[in-house]
């Protein structure tokens, strides 16, 4: 197993090396998979900006996330790919009730007492293993690894009753092409009521916290990204470090943009129908979040 460390700043998340506090194919649902309250049809695929634990205290952002989830069909389960878990080979997190991973430092203690006791999804874990191993992608399990803040911070706002089963998987690479291929392999889960969520931050350079206001590089990258997504310019997005303005400033390390590519792979046949659901800035960073389907 390998894990790639990321830098951290006071009050912001540590990298994926922080220690934890803790297929369905389109054919048929596995035995024991919950029916849920869906009305039928294909479940959307999302990429969202997850901010940081203080998101919960923002005057606007929690309401935006809650309103978004209220418009979504109720999923049978959520498959979460967070910027804060890099592990190779691709790893499945806990499938039973588990402690959260408080993978940050420098915040008031109350942010480390948040609870989110969503059910696990062993049937979904089995489906993910089947889909990926069939495609030659190795998969391993880490049964004690709970949800990190990239997963639970937005879920607390979107599904506050914690009554939707959640499975988190790791990113085994930051390579956009390989992540998009993983998304392609996972796409059949959407026909089984699984909400696929890539969770990152549309711009992520913590220098913005010290500069104040909205840095030019953050605004420029967000504008470029909005236009590239609207045009379904996948080639430009895949090569964003070179095709975007200020790409290396907006993402000195690319782990917070990387989950987008899993989402794009899972929605490859409907990329021209994607839409931004949340935009704007938070502490100078772009919080753009998009939906397909």
C-alpha atoms as a PDB file:
ATOM      1  CA  UNK A   1       0.000   0.000   0.000  1.00  0.00           C
ATOM      2  CA  UNK A   2       1.171   3.509  -0.711  1.00  0.00           C
ATOM      3  CA  UNK A   3      -0.130   6.861   0.376  1.00  0.00           C
ATOM      4  CA  UNK A   4       1.096  10.190  -0.950  1.00  0.00           C
ATOM      5  CA  UNK A   5       1.385  12.944   1.651  1.00  0.00           C
ATOM      6  CA  UNK A   6      -0.027  16.416   1.075  1.00  0.00           C
ATOM      7  CA  UNK A   7       0.951  19.675   2.683  1.00  0.00           C
ATOM      8  CA  UNK A   8      -1.143  21.204   5.434  1.00  0.00           C
ATOM      9  CA  UNK A   9      -1.560  24.630   6.926  1.00  0.00           C
ATOM     10  CA  UNK A  10      -2.821  25.626  10.373  1.00  0.00           C
ATOM     11  CA  UNK A  11      -6.560  25.231  10.423  1.00  0.00           C
ATOM     12  CA  UNK A  12      -6.663  23.236   7.203  1.00  0.00           C
ATOM     13  CA  UNK A  13      -6.565  19.525   6.486  1.00  0.00           C
ATOM     14  CA  UNK A  14      -3.527  17.372   6.806  1.00  0.00           C
ATOM     15  CA  UNK A  15      -2.639  15.131   3.904  1.00  0.00           C
ATOM     16  CA  UNK A  16      -3.814  11.594   3.258  1.00  0.00           C
ATOM     17  CA  UNK A  17      -1.144  10.135   5.508  1.00  0.00           C
ATOM     18  CA  UNK A  18      -3.005  11.380   8.576  1.00  0.00           C
ATOM     19  CA  UNK A  19      -3.961   8.317  10.645  1.00  0.00           C
ATOM     20  CA  UNK A  20      -7.633   7.445  10.943  1.00  0.00           C
ATOM     21  CA  UNK A  21      -9.607   7.984  14.138  1.00  0.00           C
ATOM     22  CA  UNK A  22     -11.179   5.619  12.684  1.00  0.00           C
ATOM     23  CA  UNK A  23     -21.684  -4.117  -8.287  1.00  0.00           C
ATOM     24  CA  UNK A  24     -24.069  -3.714  -8.782  1.00  0.00           C
ATOM     25  CA  UNK A  25     -23.915  -3.766 -12.522  1.00  0.00           C
ATOM     26  CA  UNK A  26     -26.814  -2.704 -14.707  1.00  0.00           C
ATOM     27  CA  UNK A  27     -28.053  -6.258 -14.595  1.00  0.00           C
ATOM     28  CA  UNK A  28     -29.431  -7.082 -11.164  1.00  0.00           C
ATOM     29  CA  UNK A  29     -29.121  -5.753  -7.639  1.00  0.00           C
ATOM     30  CA  UNK A  30     -27.131  -7.867  -5.196  1.00  0.00           C
ATOM     31  CA  UNK A  31     -29.111  -9.722  -2.603  1.00  0.00           C
ATOM     32  CA  UNK A  32     -29.648  -7.666   0.492  1.00  0.00           C
ATOM     33  CA  UNK A  33     -29.206  -4.276  -1.189  1.00  0.00           C
ATOM     34  CA  UNK A  34     -31.664  -1.753   0.199  1.00  0.00           C
ATOM     35  CA  UNK A  35     -34.484  -0.542  -2.004  1.00  0.00           C
ATOM     36  CA  UNK A  36     -34.355   3.086  -0.866  1.00  0.00           C
ATOM     37  CA  UNK A  37     -36.943   5.709  -1.808  1.00  0.00           C
ATOM     38  CA  UNK A  38     -35.887   6.335  -5.390  1.00  0.00           C
ATOM     39  CA  UNK A  39     -38.451   7.046  -8.029  1.00  0.00           C
ATOM     40  CA  UNK A  40     -36.444   5.193 -10.703  1.00  0.00           C
ATOM     41  CA  UNK A  41     -34.051   6.273 -13.433  1.00  0.00           C
ATOM     42  CA  UNK A  42     -30.338   6.894 -13.388  1.00  0.00           C
ATOM     43  CA  UNK A  43     -28.817   8.520 -10.335  1.00  0.00           C
ATOM     44  CA  UNK A  44     -26.737  11.661 -11.007  1.00  0.00           C
ATOM     45  CA  UNK A  45     -22.973  11.916 -10.657  1.00  0.00           C
ATOM     46  CA  UNK A  46     -21.575  14.901  -8.749  1.00  0.00           C
ATOM     47  CA  UNK A  47     -18.360  16.765  -8.202  1.00  0.00           C
ATOM     48  CA  UNK A  48     -18.526  19.070  -5.210  1.00  0.00           C
ATOM     49  CA  UNK A  49     -16.219  21.409  -3.373  1.00  0.00           C
ATOM     50  CA  UNK A  50     -16.163  20.353   0.271  1.00  0.00           C
ATOM     51  CA  UNK A  51     -14.460  23.322   1.897  1.00  0.00           C
ATOM     52  CA  UNK A  52     -13.270  22.552   5.413  1.00  0.00           C
ATOM     53  CA  UNK A  53     -14.945  21.843   8.768  1.00  0.00           C
ATOM     54  CA  UNK A  54     -15.943  25.531   9.281  1.00  0.00           C
ATOM     55  CA  UNK A  55     -18.222  25.181   6.252  1.00  0.00           C
ATOM     56  CA  UNK A  56     -20.863  24.217   8.815  1.00  0.00           C
ATOM     57  CA  UNK A  57     -20.816  27.769  10.200  1.00  0.00           C
ATOM     58  CA  UNK A  58     -21.016  29.577   6.860  1.00  0.00           C
ATOM     59  CA  UNK A  59     -24.121  31.689   6.313  1.00  0.00           C
ATOM     60  CA  UNK A  60     -24.738  30.407   2.771  1.00  0.00           C
ATOM     61  CA  UNK A  61     -22.926  27.218   1.848  1.00  0.00           C
ATOM     62  CA  UNK A  62     -24.772  24.696   4.085  1.00  0.00           C
ATOM     63  CA  UNK A  63     -28.086  25.876   2.682  1.00  0.00           C
ATOM     64  CA  UNK A  64     -26.822  25.495  -0.866  1.00  0.00           C
ATOM     65  CA  UNK A  65     -25.784  21.911  -0.216  1.00  0.00           C
ATOM     66  CA  UNK A  66     -29.069  21.103   1.532  1.00  0.00           C
ATOM     67  CA  UNK A  67     -31.105  22.588  -1.321  1.00  0.00           C
ATOM     68  CA  UNK A  68     -29.068  20.598  -3.833  1.00  0.00           C
ATOM     69  CA  UNK A  69     -29.657  17.262  -2.134  1.00  0.00           C
ATOM     70  CA  UNK A  70     -33.370  18.044  -1.782  1.00  0.00           C
ATOM     71  CA  UNK A  71     -33.608  18.220  -5.577  1.00  0.00           C
ATOM     72  CA  UNK A  72     -31.774  14.936  -6.129  1.00  0.00           C
ATOM     73  CA  UNK A  73     -33.525  11.566  -6.313  1.00  0.00           C
ATOM     74  CA  UNK A  74     -32.983   9.784  -3.047  1.00  0.00           C
ATOM     75  CA  UNK A  75     -30.006   7.461  -3.529  1.00  0.00           C
ATOM     76  CA  UNK A  76     -29.833   3.896  -2.317  1.00  0.00           C
ATOM     77  CA  UNK A  77     -26.221   4.525  -1.405  1.00  0.00           C
ATOM     78  CA  UNK A  78     -23.447   7.067  -1.881  1.00  0.00           C
ATOM     79  CA  UNK A  79     -20.043   6.206  -3.313  1.00  0.00           C
ATOM     80  CA  UNK A  80     -17.595   8.878  -2.174  1.00  0.00           C
ATOM     81  CA  UNK A  81     -14.205   9.702  -3.690  1.00  0.00           C
ATOM     82  CA  UNK A  82     -12.478  12.323  -1.541  1.00  0.00           C
ATOM     83  CA  UNK A  83      -9.364  14.381  -2.179  1.00  0.00           C
ATOM     84  CA  UNK A  84      -8.195  13.342   1.282  1.00  0.00           C
ATOM     85  CA  UNK A  85      -7.667   9.668   0.650  1.00  0.00           C
ATOM     86  CA  UNK A  86      -4.924   8.562  -1.683  1.00  0.00           C
ATOM     87  CA  UNK A  87      -4.086   4.896  -1.383  1.00  0.00           C
ATOM     88  CA  UNK A  88      -2.805   2.419  -3.937  1.00  0.00           C
ATOM     89  CA  UNK A  89      -4.059  -0.015  -4.949  1.00  0.00           C
ATOM     90  CA  UNK A  90      -7.597   1.324  -4.874  1.00  0.00           C
ATOM     91  CA  UNK A  91      -8.928   0.715  -1.374  1.00  0.00           C
ATOM     92  CA  UNK A  92     -12.426   0.288   0.013  1.00  0.00           C
ATOM     93  CA  UNK A  93     -13.158   1.898   3.363  1.00  0.00           C
ATOM     94  CA  UNK A  94     -15.234   0.543   6.210  1.00  0.00           C
ATOM     95  CA  UNK A  95     -18.570  -1.029   5.353  1.00  0.00           C
ATOM     96  CA  UNK A  96     -19.959  -0.935   8.877  1.00  0.00           C
ATOM     97  CA  UNK A  97     -20.472   1.867  11.387  1.00  0.00           C
ATOM     98  CA  UNK A  98     -17.089   3.444  12.061  1.00  0.00           C
ATOM     99  CA  UNK A  99     -15.459   6.508  13.645  1.00  0.00           C
ATOM    100  CA  UNK A 100     -14.768   9.488  11.419  1.00  0.00           C
ATOM    101  CA  UNK A 101     -11.277  10.467  10.312  1.00  0.00           C
ATOM    102  CA  UNK A 102     -10.546  13.947  11.716  1.00  0.00           C
ATOM    103  CA  UNK A 103      -7.801  14.615   9.206  1.00  0.00           C
ATOM    104  CA  UNK A 104      -7.108  18.267  10.008  1.00  0.00           C
ATOM    105  CA  UNK A 105      -5.550  20.386  12.690  1.00  0.00           C
ATOM    106  CA  UNK A 106      -5.652  23.928  14.045  1.00  0.00           C
ATOM    107  CA  UNK A 107      -9.439  24.162  14.351  1.00  0.00           C
ATOM    108  CA  UNK A 108     -11.458  24.512  17.574  1.00  0.00           C
ATOM    109  CA  UNK A 109     -12.054  21.219  19.334  1.00  0.00           C
ATOM    110  CA  UNK A 110     -15.768  21.201  18.471  1.00  0.00           C
ATOM    111  CA  UNK A 111     -14.942  20.345  14.854  1.00  0.00           C
ATOM    112  CA  UNK A 112     -13.374  17.116  16.074  1.00  0.00           C
ATOM    113  CA  UNK A 113     -16.492  16.022  17.919  1.00  0.00           C
ATOM    114  CA  UNK A 114     -18.788  15.953  14.874  1.00  0.00           C
ATOM    115  CA  UNK A 115     -20.540  12.617  14.371  1.00  0.00           C
ATOM    116  CA  UNK A 116     -21.925  11.153  11.159  1.00  0.00           C
ATOM    117  CA  UNK A 117     -23.033   7.574  11.684  1.00  0.00           C
ATOM    118  CA  UNK A 118     -24.281   6.661   8.231  1.00  0.00           C
ATOM    119  CA  UNK A 119     -24.782   2.940   7.574  1.00  0.00           C
ATOM    120  CA  UNK A 120     -22.097   1.102   5.688  1.00  0.00           C
ATOM    121  CA  UNK A 121     -22.806  -0.526   2.334  1.00  0.00           C
ATOM    122  CA  UNK A 122     -21.257  -4.007   2.113  1.00  0.00           C
ATOM    123  CA  UNK A 123     -23.361  -4.826  -0.943  1.00  0.00           C
ATOM    124  CA  UNK A 124     -21.945  -1.740  -2.690  1.00  0.00           C
ATOM    125  CA  UNK A 125     -18.406  -2.714  -1.718  1.00  0.00           C
ATOM    126  CA  UNK A 126     -18.976  -6.110  -3.335  1.00  0.00           C
ATOM    127  CA  UNK A 127     -20.285  -4.436  -6.484  1.00  0.00           C
ATOM    128  CA  UNK A 128     -17.298  -2.067  -6.685  1.00  0.00           C
ATOM    129  CA  UNK A 129     -14.882  -4.983  -6.290  1.00  0.00           C
ATOM    130  CA  UNK A 130     -16.614  -6.893  -9.071  1.00  0.00           C
ATOM    131  CA  UNK A 131     -16.677  -3.998 -11.529  1.00  0.00           C
ATOM    132  CA  UNK A 132     -13.081  -2.955 -10.972  1.00  0.00           C
ATOM    133  CA  UNK A 133     -11.494  -6.397 -10.767  1.00  0.00           C
ATOM    134  CA  UNK A 134     -13.295  -7.393 -13.942  1.00  0.00           C
ATOM    135  CA  UNK A 135     -11.492  -4.473 -15.594  1.00  0.00           C
ATOM    136  CA  UNK A 136      -8.141  -5.541 -14.171  1.00  0.00           C
ATOM    137  CA  UNK A 137      -8.011  -2.891 -11.438  1.00  0.00           C
ATOM    138  CA  UNK A 138      -6.659  -4.304  -8.169  1.00  0.00           C
ATOM    139  CA  UNK A 139      -8.766  -3.602  -5.091  1.00  0.00           C
ATOM    140  CA  UNK A 140      -8.022  -4.003  -1.400  1.00  0.00           C
ATOM    141  CA  UNK A 141      -9.933  -3.359   1.836  1.00  0.00           C
ATOM    142  CA  UNK A 142      -9.228  -1.175   4.841  1.00  0.00           C
ATOM    143  CA  UNK A 143     -12.150  -2.091   7.114  1.00  0.00           C
ATOM    144  CA  UNK A 144     -11.223   0.319   9.921  1.00  0.00           C
ATOM    145  CA  UNK A 145     -10.966   3.395   7.685  1.00  0.00           C
ATOM    146  CA  UNK A 146     -13.895   5.727   8.328  1.00  0.00           C
ATOM    147  CA  UNK A 147     -15.081   8.752   6.385  1.00  0.00           C
ATOM    148  CA  UNK A 148     -12.664  11.667   6.228  1.00  0.00           C
ATOM    149  CA  UNK A 149     -13.732  15.315   6.290  1.00  0.00           C
ATOM    150  CA  UNK A 150     -13.845  15.462   2.488  1.00  0.00           C
ATOM    151  CA  UNK A 151     -16.709  12.993   2.758  1.00  0.00           C
ATOM    152  CA  UNK A 152     -18.573  13.837   5.933  1.00  0.00           C
ATOM    153  CA  UNK A 153     -18.398  17.658   5.878  1.00  0.00           C
ATOM    154  CA  UNK A 154     -20.667  17.920   2.809  1.00  0.00           C
ATOM    155  CA  UNK A 155     -22.750  14.869   3.761  1.00  0.00           C
ATOM    156  CA  UNK A 156     -23.662  16.373   7.130  1.00  0.00           C
ATOM    157  CA  UNK A 157     -25.325  19.219   5.216  1.00  0.00           C
ATOM    158  CA  UNK A 158     -26.797  17.185   2.369  1.00  0.00           C
ATOM    159  CA  UNK A 159     -28.048  14.144   4.283  1.00  0.00           C
ATOM    160  CA  UNK A 160     -28.129  15.276   7.935  1.00  0.00           C
ATOM    161  CA  UNK A 161     -30.121  12.247   9.117  1.00  0.00           C
ATOM    162  CA  UNK A 162     -27.188  10.004   8.125  1.00  0.00           C
ATOM    163  CA  UNK A 163     -29.674   7.462   6.827  1.00  0.00           C
ATOM    164  CA  UNK A 164     -28.162   6.809   3.404  1.00  0.00           C
ATOM    165  CA  UNK A 165     -25.461   4.100   3.278  1.00  0.00           C
ATOM    166  CA  UNK A 166     -22.022   5.468   2.367  1.00  0.00           C
ATOM    167  CA  UNK A 167     -18.915   3.778   1.005  1.00  0.00           C
ATOM    168  CA  UNK A 168     -15.680   5.704   0.524  1.00  0.00           C
ATOM    169  CA  UNK A 169     -12.972   4.522  -1.848  1.00  0.00           C
ATOM    170  CA  UNK A 170      -9.462   5.825  -2.262  1.00  0.00           C
ATOM    171  CA  UNK A 171      -7.849   7.483  -5.261  1.00  0.00           C
ATOM    172  CA  UNK A 172      -5.061   5.101  -6.288  1.00  0.00           C
ATOM    173  CA  UNK A 173      -3.491   7.750  -8.520  1.00  0.00           C
ATOM    174  CA  UNK A 174      -3.758  11.433  -9.401  1.00  0.00           C
ATOM    175  CA  UNK A 175      -3.441  10.756 -13.119  1.00  0.00           C
ATOM    176  CA  UNK A 176      -6.552  12.259 -14.778  1.00  0.00           C
ATOM    177  CA  UNK A 177      -6.800   9.618 -17.508  1.00  0.00           C
ATOM    178  CA  UNK A 178      -6.614   6.730 -15.048  1.00  0.00           C
ATOM    179  CA  UNK A 179      -9.142   8.324 -12.706  1.00  0.00           C
ATOM    180  CA  UNK A 180     -11.534   8.896 -15.583  1.00  0.00           C
ATOM    181  CA  UNK A 181     -11.211   5.231 -16.509  1.00  0.00           C
ATOM    182  CA  UNK A 182     -12.106   4.247 -12.939  1.00  0.00           C
ATOM    183  CA  UNK A 183     -15.190   6.439 -13.249  1.00  0.00           C
ATOM    184  CA  UNK A 184     -16.147   4.676 -16.478  1.00  0.00           C
ATOM    185  CA  UNK A 185     -15.921   1.321 -14.735  1.00  0.00           C
ATOM    186  CA  UNK A 186     -18.074   2.538 -11.858  1.00  0.00           C
ATOM    187  CA  UNK A 187     -20.734   4.147 -14.079  1.00  0.00           C
ATOM    188  CA  UNK A 188     -23.102   1.102 -14.056  1.00  0.00           C
ATOM    189  CA  UNK A 189     -23.659   1.722 -10.342  1.00  0.00           C
ATOM    190  CA  UNK A 190     -25.655   4.821 -11.272  1.00  0.00           C
ATOM    191  CA  UNK A 191     -28.286   2.530 -12.790  1.00  0.00           C
ATOM    192  CA  UNK A 192     -28.555   0.848  -9.393  1.00  0.00           C
ATOM    193  CA  UNK A 193     -29.343   4.027  -7.482  1.00  0.00           C
ATOM    194  CA  UNK A 194     -25.803   4.829  -6.360  1.00  0.00           C
ATOM    195  CA  UNK A 195     -24.900   8.510  -6.133  1.00  0.00           C
ATOM    196  CA  UNK A 196     -21.265   8.854  -7.227  1.00  0.00           C
ATOM    197  CA  UNK A 197     -19.638  11.887  -5.598  1.00  0.00           C
ATOM    198  CA  UNK A 198     -16.193  13.258  -6.324  1.00  0.00           C
ATOM    199  CA  UNK A 199     -15.319  15.573  -3.442  1.00  0.00           C
ATOM    200  CA  UNK A 200     -12.545  18.150  -3.743  1.00  0.00           C
ATOM    201  CA  UNK A 201     -12.202  21.915  -4.095  1.00  0.00           C
ATOM    202  CA  UNK A 202     -12.351  23.684  -7.464  1.00  0.00           C
ATOM    203  CA  UNK A 203      -9.335  25.777  -6.540  1.00  0.00           C
ATOM    204  CA  UNK A 204      -7.061  24.782  -3.673  1.00  0.00           C
ATOM    205  CA  UNK A 205      -4.057  26.896  -2.843  1.00  0.00           C
ATOM    206  CA  UNK A 206      -4.011  27.814   0.822  1.00  0.00           C
ATOM    207  CA  UNK A 207      -2.052  30.960   0.032  1.00  0.00           C
ATOM    208  CA  UNK A 208      -5.483  32.455  -0.640  1.00  0.00           C
ATOM    209  CA  UNK A 209      -6.147  32.385   3.091  1.00  0.00           C
ATOM    210  CA  UNK A 210      -3.277  34.781   3.683  1.00  0.00           C
ATOM    211  CA  UNK A 211      -3.921  37.090   0.727  1.00  0.00           C
ATOM    212  CA  UNK A 212      -7.495  38.081   1.490  1.00  0.00           C
ATOM    213  CA  UNK A 213     -10.119  38.712  -1.167  1.00  0.00           C
ATOM    214  CA  UNK A 214     -10.336  36.570  -4.298  1.00  0.00           C
ATOM    215  CA  UNK A 215      -6.893  36.042  -5.850  1.00  0.00           C
ATOM    216  CA  UNK A 216      -6.712  36.582  -9.602  1.00  0.00           C
ATOM    217  CA  UNK A 217      -5.479  33.035 -10.136  1.00  0.00           C
ATOM    218  CA  UNK A 218      -8.514  31.595  -8.345  1.00  0.00           C
ATOM    219  CA  UNK A 219     -10.989  33.684 -10.337  1.00  0.00           C
ATOM    220  CA  UNK A 220      -9.214  32.982 -13.638  1.00  0.00           C
ATOM    221  CA  UNK A 221      -9.087  29.245 -13.087  1.00  0.00           C
ATOM    222  CA  UNK A 222     -12.732  29.132 -12.002  1.00  0.00           C
ATOM    223  CA  UNK A 223     -13.826  31.050 -15.109  1.00  0.00           C
ATOM    224  CA  UNK A 224     -11.764  28.773 -17.336  1.00  0.00           C
ATOM    225  CA  UNK A 225     -13.117  25.676 -15.595  1.00  0.00           C
ATOM    226  CA  UNK A 226     -16.718  26.809 -15.901  1.00  0.00           C
ATOM    227  CA  UNK A 227     -16.286  27.343 -19.637  1.00  0.00           C
ATOM    228  CA  UNK A 228     -14.424  24.055 -20.163  1.00  0.00           C
ATOM    229  CA  UNK A 229     -17.123  22.123 -18.310  1.00  0.00           C
ATOM    230  CA  UNK A 230     -19.930  23.875 -20.195  1.00  0.00           C
ATOM    231  CA  UNK A 231     -18.237  23.030 -23.508  1.00  0.00           C
ATOM    232  CA  UNK A 232     -17.502  19.454 -22.364  1.00  0.00           C
ATOM    233  CA  UNK A 233     -13.881  20.094 -23.375  1.00  0.00           C
ATOM    234  CA  UNK A 234     -12.514  16.943 -21.831  1.00  0.00           C
ATOM    235  CA  UNK A 235      -9.118  17.216 -23.489  1.00  0.00           C
ATOM    236  CA  UNK A 236      -8.568  20.632 -21.910  1.00  0.00           C
ATOM    237  CA  UNK A 237      -9.779  19.427 -18.518  1.00  0.00           C
ATOM    238  CA  UNK A 238      -7.574  16.341 -18.560  1.00  0.00           C
ATOM    239  CA  UNK A 239      -4.548  18.529 -19.318  1.00  0.00           C
ATOM    240  CA  UNK A 240      -5.647  21.341 -17.000  1.00  0.00           C
ATOM    241  CA  UNK A 241      -2.176  21.977 -15.621  1.00  0.00           C
ATOM    242  CA  UNK A 242      -1.151  23.219 -19.072  1.00  0.00           C
ATOM    243  CA  UNK A 243      -4.387  24.404 -20.711  1.00  0.00           C
ATOM    244  CA  UNK A 244      -5.786  26.494 -17.863  1.00  0.00           C
ATOM    245  CA  UNK A 245      -4.663  29.944 -16.749  1.00  0.00           C
ATOM    246  CA  UNK A 246      -2.768  29.788 -13.466  1.00  0.00           C
ATOM    247  CA  UNK A 247      -3.365  26.051 -13.204  1.00  0.00           C
ATOM    248  CA  UNK A 248      -0.317  25.450 -11.047  1.00  0.00           C
ATOM    249  CA  UNK A 249      -1.304  28.293  -8.739  1.00  0.00           C
ATOM    250  CA  UNK A 250      -4.896  27.139  -8.451  1.00  0.00           C
ATOM    251  CA  UNK A 251      -3.669  23.598  -7.698  1.00  0.00           C
ATOM    252  CA  UNK A 252      -0.038  23.442  -6.516  1.00  0.00           C
ATOM    253  CA  UNK A 253      -0.847  19.803  -5.843  1.00  0.00           C
ATOM    254  CA  UNK A 254      -3.718  18.361  -7.851  1.00  0.00           C
ATOM    255  CA  UNK A 255      -5.523  16.090  -5.385  1.00  0.00           C
ATOM    256  CA  UNK A 256      -8.477  18.457  -4.923  1.00  0.00           C
ATOM    257  CA  UNK A 257      -9.215  18.655  -8.650  1.00  0.00           C
ATOM    258  CA  UNK A 258      -8.576  14.946  -9.223  1.00  0.00           C
ATOM    259  CA  UNK A 259     -11.961  13.603  -7.977  1.00  0.00           C
ATOM    260  CA  UNK A 260     -13.603  15.516 -10.825  1.00  0.00           C
ATOM    261  CA  UNK A 261     -12.182  12.997 -13.275  1.00  0.00           C
ATOM    262  CA  UNK A 262     -13.876  10.055 -11.589  1.00  0.00           C
ATOM    263  CA  UNK A 263     -17.145  11.974 -11.884  1.00  0.00           C
ATOM    264  CA  UNK A 264     -16.491  12.771 -15.547  1.00  0.00           C
ATOM    265  CA  UNK A 265     -15.788   9.123 -16.290  1.00  0.00           C
ATOM    266  CA  UNK A 266     -18.986   8.040 -14.555  1.00  0.00           C
ATOM    267  CA  UNK A 267     -20.960  10.559 -16.635  1.00  0.00           C
ATOM    268  CA  UNK A 268     -19.082  10.263 -19.920  1.00  0.00           C
ATOM    269  CA  UNK A 269     -22.174   9.824 -22.085  1.00  0.00           C
ATOM    270  CA  UNK A 270     -23.829  13.008 -20.789  1.00  0.00           C
ATOM    271  CA  UNK A 271     -21.004  15.491 -20.370  1.00  0.00           C
ATOM    272  CA  UNK A 272     -22.699  18.068 -22.575  1.00  0.00           C
ATOM    273  CA  UNK A 273     -25.599  18.173 -20.114  1.00  0.00           C
ATOM    274  CA  UNK A 274     -23.583  18.990 -16.991  1.00  0.00           C
ATOM    275  CA  UNK A 275     -24.387  22.084 -14.992  1.00  0.00           C
ATOM    276  CA  UNK A 276     -22.863  24.074 -12.179  1.00  0.00           C
ATOM    277  CA  UNK A 277     -25.112  23.910  -9.133  1.00  0.00           C
ATOM    278  CA  UNK A 278     -22.966  25.924  -6.710  1.00  0.00           C
ATOM    279  CA  UNK A 279     -20.455  28.618  -7.591  1.00  0.00           C
ATOM    280  CA  UNK A 280     -18.808  31.598  -5.954  1.00  0.00           C
ATOM    281  CA  UNK A 281     -15.869  31.747  -3.564  1.00  0.00           C
ATOM    282  CA  UNK A 282     -15.099  30.915   0.057  1.00  0.00           C
ATOM    283  CA  UNK A 283     -12.023  32.410   1.670  1.00  0.00           C
ATOM    284  CA  UNK A 284     -10.741  33.144  -1.844  1.00  0.00           C
ATOM    285  CA  UNK A 285     -11.168  29.589  -3.143  1.00  0.00           C
ATOM    286  CA  UNK A 286     -13.667  28.610  -5.839  1.00  0.00           C
ATOM    287  CA  UNK A 287     -16.440  26.360  -4.540  1.00  0.00           C
ATOM    288  CA  UNK A 288     -17.839  25.416  -7.955  1.00  0.00           C
ATOM    289  CA  UNK A 289     -19.773  22.150  -7.818  1.00  0.00           C
ATOM    290  CA  UNK A 290     -21.339  20.358 -10.774  1.00  0.00           C
ATOM    291  CA  UNK A 291     -23.967  17.732 -11.541  1.00  0.00           C
ATOM    292  CA  UNK A 292     -24.451  15.301 -14.397  1.00  0.00           C
ATOM    293  CA  UNK A 293     -27.794  13.647 -14.844  1.00  0.00           C
END
